[in-house]
Amino acid sequence: MAYGGPFVVYYVLIILYERYLSDCFPLSPREWLTPGEGWPLQGWSALGMVCGVTAGMALLFSQQAGKRLRHL
């Protein structure tokens, strides 16, 4: 699961962006790697968004893992 998770997230984001939310370019992982002209701060905001999402997921994981470890 650890190897397949990122692929599934990437695939779901591409599907959402291309089929349903084509106006919401921050959903596209391609835009994260090569930020286009739509990003403010000359593309640095894409890095900030990715870092923010990563920090948020790490915080969520640490909270959930802490709950599980307390129940052992």
N, C-alpha and C. Protein backbone atom coordinates (compact mmCIF):
# COMPACT_ATOMS: atom_id res chain seq x y z
N MET A 1 0.82 -1.19 0.00
CA MET A 1 0.00 0.00 0.00
C MET A 1 0.86 1.25 0.00
N ALA A 2 1.98 1.21 0.66
CA ALA A 2 2.82 2.41 0.74
C ALA A 2 3.33 2.81 -0.64
N TYR A 3 3.58 1.85 -1.51
CA TYR A 3 4.07 2.17 -2.86
C TYR A 3 2.93 2.57 -3.79
N GLY A 4 1.74 2.06 -3.57
CA GLY A 4 0.61 2.34 -4.45
C GLY A 4 -0.15 3.61 -4.10
N GLY A 5 -0.06 4.05 -2.87
CA GLY A 5 -0.81 5.22 -2.42
C GLY A 5 -0.53 6.48 -3.22
N PRO A 6 0.73 6.86 -3.41
CA PRO A 6 1.00 8.08 -4.19
C PRO A 6 0.49 7.99 -5.63
N PHE A 7 0.57 6.83 -6.24
CA PHE A 7 0.07 6.68 -7.59
C PHE A 7 -1.44 6.90 -7.64
N VAL A 8 -2.15 6.35 -6.67
CA VAL A 8 -3.61 6.50 -6.64
C VAL A 8 -3.99 7.97 -6.43
N VAL A 9 -3.30 8.65 -5.52
CA VAL A 9 -3.59 10.07 -5.28
C VAL A 9 -3.31 10.89 -6.53
N TYR A 10 -2.19 10.63 -7.20
CA TYR A 10 -1.84 11.33 -8.43
C TYR A 10 -2.92 11.10 -9.49
N TYR A 11 -3.34 9.86 -9.65
CA TYR A 11 -4.34 9.51 -10.66
C TYR A 11 -5.67 10.19 -10.37
N VAL A 12 -6.11 10.18 -9.11
CA VAL A 12 -7.38 10.82 -8.74
C VAL A 12 -7.32 12.32 -8.99
N LEU A 13 -6.20 12.96 -8.64
CA LEU A 13 -6.07 14.40 -8.88
C LEU A 13 -6.10 14.74 -10.37
N ILE A 14 -5.43 13.93 -11.19
CA ILE A 14 -5.45 14.16 -12.63
C ILE A 14 -6.87 14.00 -13.18
N ILE A 15 -7.58 12.98 -12.74
CA ILE A 15 -8.95 12.77 -13.21
C ILE A 15 -9.85 13.93 -12.79
N LEU A 16 -9.75 14.35 -11.54
CA LEU A 16 -10.56 15.48 -11.08
C LEU A 16 -10.27 16.74 -11.88
N TYR A 17 -8.99 17.00 -12.12
CA TYR A 17 -8.61 18.21 -12.83
C TYR A 17 -9.06 18.18 -14.28
N GLU A 18 -8.78 17.09 -14.98
CA GLU A 18 -9.06 17.03 -16.42
C GLU A 18 -10.54 16.90 -16.74
N ARG A 19 -11.30 16.21 -15.91
CA ARG A 19 -12.71 15.95 -16.24
C ARG A 19 -13.69 16.92 -15.60
N TYR A 20 -13.45 17.28 -14.35
CA TYR A 20 -14.47 18.01 -13.62
C TYR A 20 -14.09 19.42 -13.22
N LEU A 21 -12.85 19.64 -12.82
CA LEU A 21 -12.45 20.93 -12.27
C LEU A 21 -11.30 21.53 -13.08
N SER A 22 -11.49 21.70 -14.37
CA SER A 22 -10.41 22.19 -15.23
C SER A 22 -10.04 23.64 -14.94
N ASP A 23 -10.90 24.39 -14.27
CA ASP A 23 -10.57 25.77 -13.91
C ASP A 23 -9.71 25.86 -12.65
N CYS A 24 -9.63 24.80 -11.89
CA CYS A 24 -8.88 24.79 -10.63
C CYS A 24 -7.50 24.16 -10.86
N PHE A 25 -6.58 24.96 -11.42
CA PHE A 25 -5.27 24.43 -11.80
C PHE A 25 -4.40 23.96 -10.64
N PRO A 26 -4.59 24.41 -9.38
CA PRO A 26 -3.75 23.86 -8.30
C PRO A 26 -3.98 22.37 -8.02
N LEU A 27 -5.04 21.79 -8.57
CA LEU A 27 -5.26 20.35 -8.38
C LEU A 27 -4.34 19.50 -9.24
N SER A 28 -3.78 20.07 -10.27
CA SER A 28 -2.96 19.30 -11.21
C SER A 28 -1.55 19.12 -10.68
N PRO A 29 -1.12 17.88 -10.44
CA PRO A 29 0.26 17.65 -9.99
C PRO A 29 1.30 18.11 -11.02
N ARG A 30 0.93 18.17 -12.28
CA ARG A 30 1.85 18.69 -13.29
C ARG A 30 2.18 20.16 -13.03
N GLU A 31 1.20 20.90 -12.54
CA GLU A 31 1.42 22.32 -12.21
C GLU A 31 2.33 22.48 -11.01
N TRP A 32 2.37 21.48 -10.14
CA TRP A 32 3.25 21.57 -8.98
C TRP A 32 4.71 21.44 -9.40
N LEU A 33 4.96 20.59 -10.40
CA LEU A 33 6.33 20.38 -10.85
C LEU A 33 6.84 21.50 -11.74
N THR A 34 5.98 22.00 -12.62
CA THR A 34 6.34 23.10 -13.50
C THR A 34 5.25 24.16 -13.41
N PRO A 35 5.34 25.04 -12.41
CA PRO A 35 4.29 26.05 -12.23
C PRO A 35 4.15 26.96 -13.44
N GLY A 36 2.92 27.18 -13.83
CA GLY A 36 2.64 28.05 -14.97
C GLY A 36 2.51 29.50 -14.55
N GLU A 37 1.95 30.29 -15.41
CA GLU A 37 1.81 31.72 -15.16
C GLU A 37 0.67 32.04 -14.20
N GLY A 38 -0.20 31.11 -13.91
CA GLY A 38 -1.33 31.37 -13.02
C GLY A 38 -0.96 31.44 -11.55
N TRP A 39 0.18 30.94 -11.19
CA TRP A 39 0.60 30.93 -9.79
C TRP A 39 1.14 32.30 -9.39
N PRO A 40 0.74 32.80 -8.24
CA PRO A 40 1.35 34.04 -7.76
C PRO A 40 2.77 33.78 -7.23
N LEU A 41 3.52 34.81 -7.02
CA LEU A 41 4.89 34.75 -6.49
C LEU A 41 5.82 33.97 -7.39
N GLN A 42 5.61 34.02 -8.68
CA GLN A 42 6.46 33.39 -9.69
C GLN A 42 6.62 31.88 -9.47
N GLY A 43 5.58 31.22 -9.01
CA GLY A 43 5.61 29.78 -8.83
C GLY A 43 6.01 29.33 -7.45
N TRP A 44 6.50 30.23 -6.61
CA TRP A 44 6.88 29.83 -5.25
C TRP A 44 5.67 29.45 -4.42
N SER A 45 4.51 29.94 -4.78
CA SER A 45 3.31 29.58 -4.04
C SER A 45 2.95 28.10 -4.25
N ALA A 46 3.36 27.52 -5.39
CA ALA A 46 3.14 26.09 -5.61
C ALA A 46 3.96 25.28 -4.60
N LEU A 47 5.18 25.71 -4.37
CA LEU A 47 6.02 25.04 -3.36
C LEU A 47 5.40 25.19 -1.98
N GLY A 48 4.90 26.38 -1.68
CA GLY A 48 4.25 26.60 -0.39
C GLY A 48 3.02 25.73 -0.21
N MET A 49 2.24 25.56 -1.27
CA MET A 49 1.05 24.74 -1.19
C MET A 49 1.42 23.27 -0.95
N VAL A 50 2.40 22.78 -1.67
CA VAL A 50 2.81 21.39 -1.51
C VAL A 50 3.38 21.16 -0.11
N CYS A 51 4.18 22.10 0.38
CA CYS A 51 4.72 21.98 1.74
C CYS A 51 3.61 22.04 2.79
N GLY A 52 2.63 22.89 2.57
CA GLY A 52 1.50 22.99 3.49
C GLY A 52 0.67 21.73 3.54
N VAL A 53 0.40 21.15 2.38
CA VAL A 53 -0.37 19.90 2.33
C VAL A 53 0.43 18.77 2.99
N THR A 54 1.73 18.74 2.75
CA THR A 54 2.58 17.71 3.36
C THR A 54 2.60 17.86 4.88
N ALA A 55 2.73 19.09 5.37
CA ALA A 55 2.74 19.31 6.82
C ALA A 55 1.38 18.96 7.43
N GLY A 56 0.31 19.30 6.75
CA GLY A 56 -1.02 18.96 7.25
C GLY A 56 -1.25 17.46 7.33
N MET A 57 -0.81 16.74 6.31
CA MET A 57 -0.96 15.28 6.33
C MET A 57 -0.07 14.66 7.40
N ALA A 58 1.12 15.21 7.62
CA ALA A 58 2.01 14.70 8.67
C ALA A 58 1.38 14.93 10.05
N LEU A 59 0.76 16.08 10.24
CA LEU A 59 0.10 16.36 11.51
C LEU A 59 -1.08 15.42 11.72
N LEU A 60 -1.88 15.21 10.69
CA LEU A 60 -3.00 14.28 10.79
C LEU A 60 -2.53 12.87 11.10
N PHE A 61 -1.45 12.44 10.42
CA PHE A 61 -0.90 11.11 10.68
C PHE A 61 -0.41 10.98 12.11
N SER A 62 0.29 12.01 12.61
CA SER A 62 0.84 11.91 13.98
C SER A 62 -0.27 11.86 15.01
N GLN A 63 -1.37 12.58 14.77
CA GLN A 63 -2.49 12.52 15.70
C GLN A 63 -3.13 11.14 15.69
N GLN A 64 -3.36 10.59 14.51
CA GLN A 64 -3.99 9.27 14.41
C GLN A 64 -3.07 8.18 14.96
N ALA A 65 -1.78 8.28 14.68
CA ALA A 65 -0.84 7.28 15.20
C ALA A 65 -0.75 7.37 16.72
N GLY A 66 -0.80 8.59 17.25
CA GLY A 66 -0.77 8.76 18.71
C GLY A 66 -1.97 8.12 19.37
N LYS A 67 -3.13 8.26 18.76
CA LYS A 67 -4.33 7.61 19.31
C LYS A 67 -4.19 6.09 19.32
N ARG A 68 -3.67 5.56 18.22
CA ARG A 68 -3.51 4.10 18.13
C ARG A 68 -2.49 3.59 19.14
N LEU A 69 -1.41 4.34 19.32
CA LEU A 69 -0.37 3.90 20.25
C LEU A 69 -0.85 3.98 21.71
N ARG A 70 -1.70 4.94 22.02
CA ARG A 70 -2.22 5.04 23.38
C ARG A 70 -3.17 3.89 23.72
N HIS A 71 -3.78 3.30 22.71
CA HIS A 71 -4.73 2.20 22.94
C HIS A 71 -4.04 0.85 23.03
N LEU A 72 -2.75 0.80 22.81
CA LEU A 72 -2.03 -0.49 22.90
C LEU A 72 -1.75 -0.89 24.32
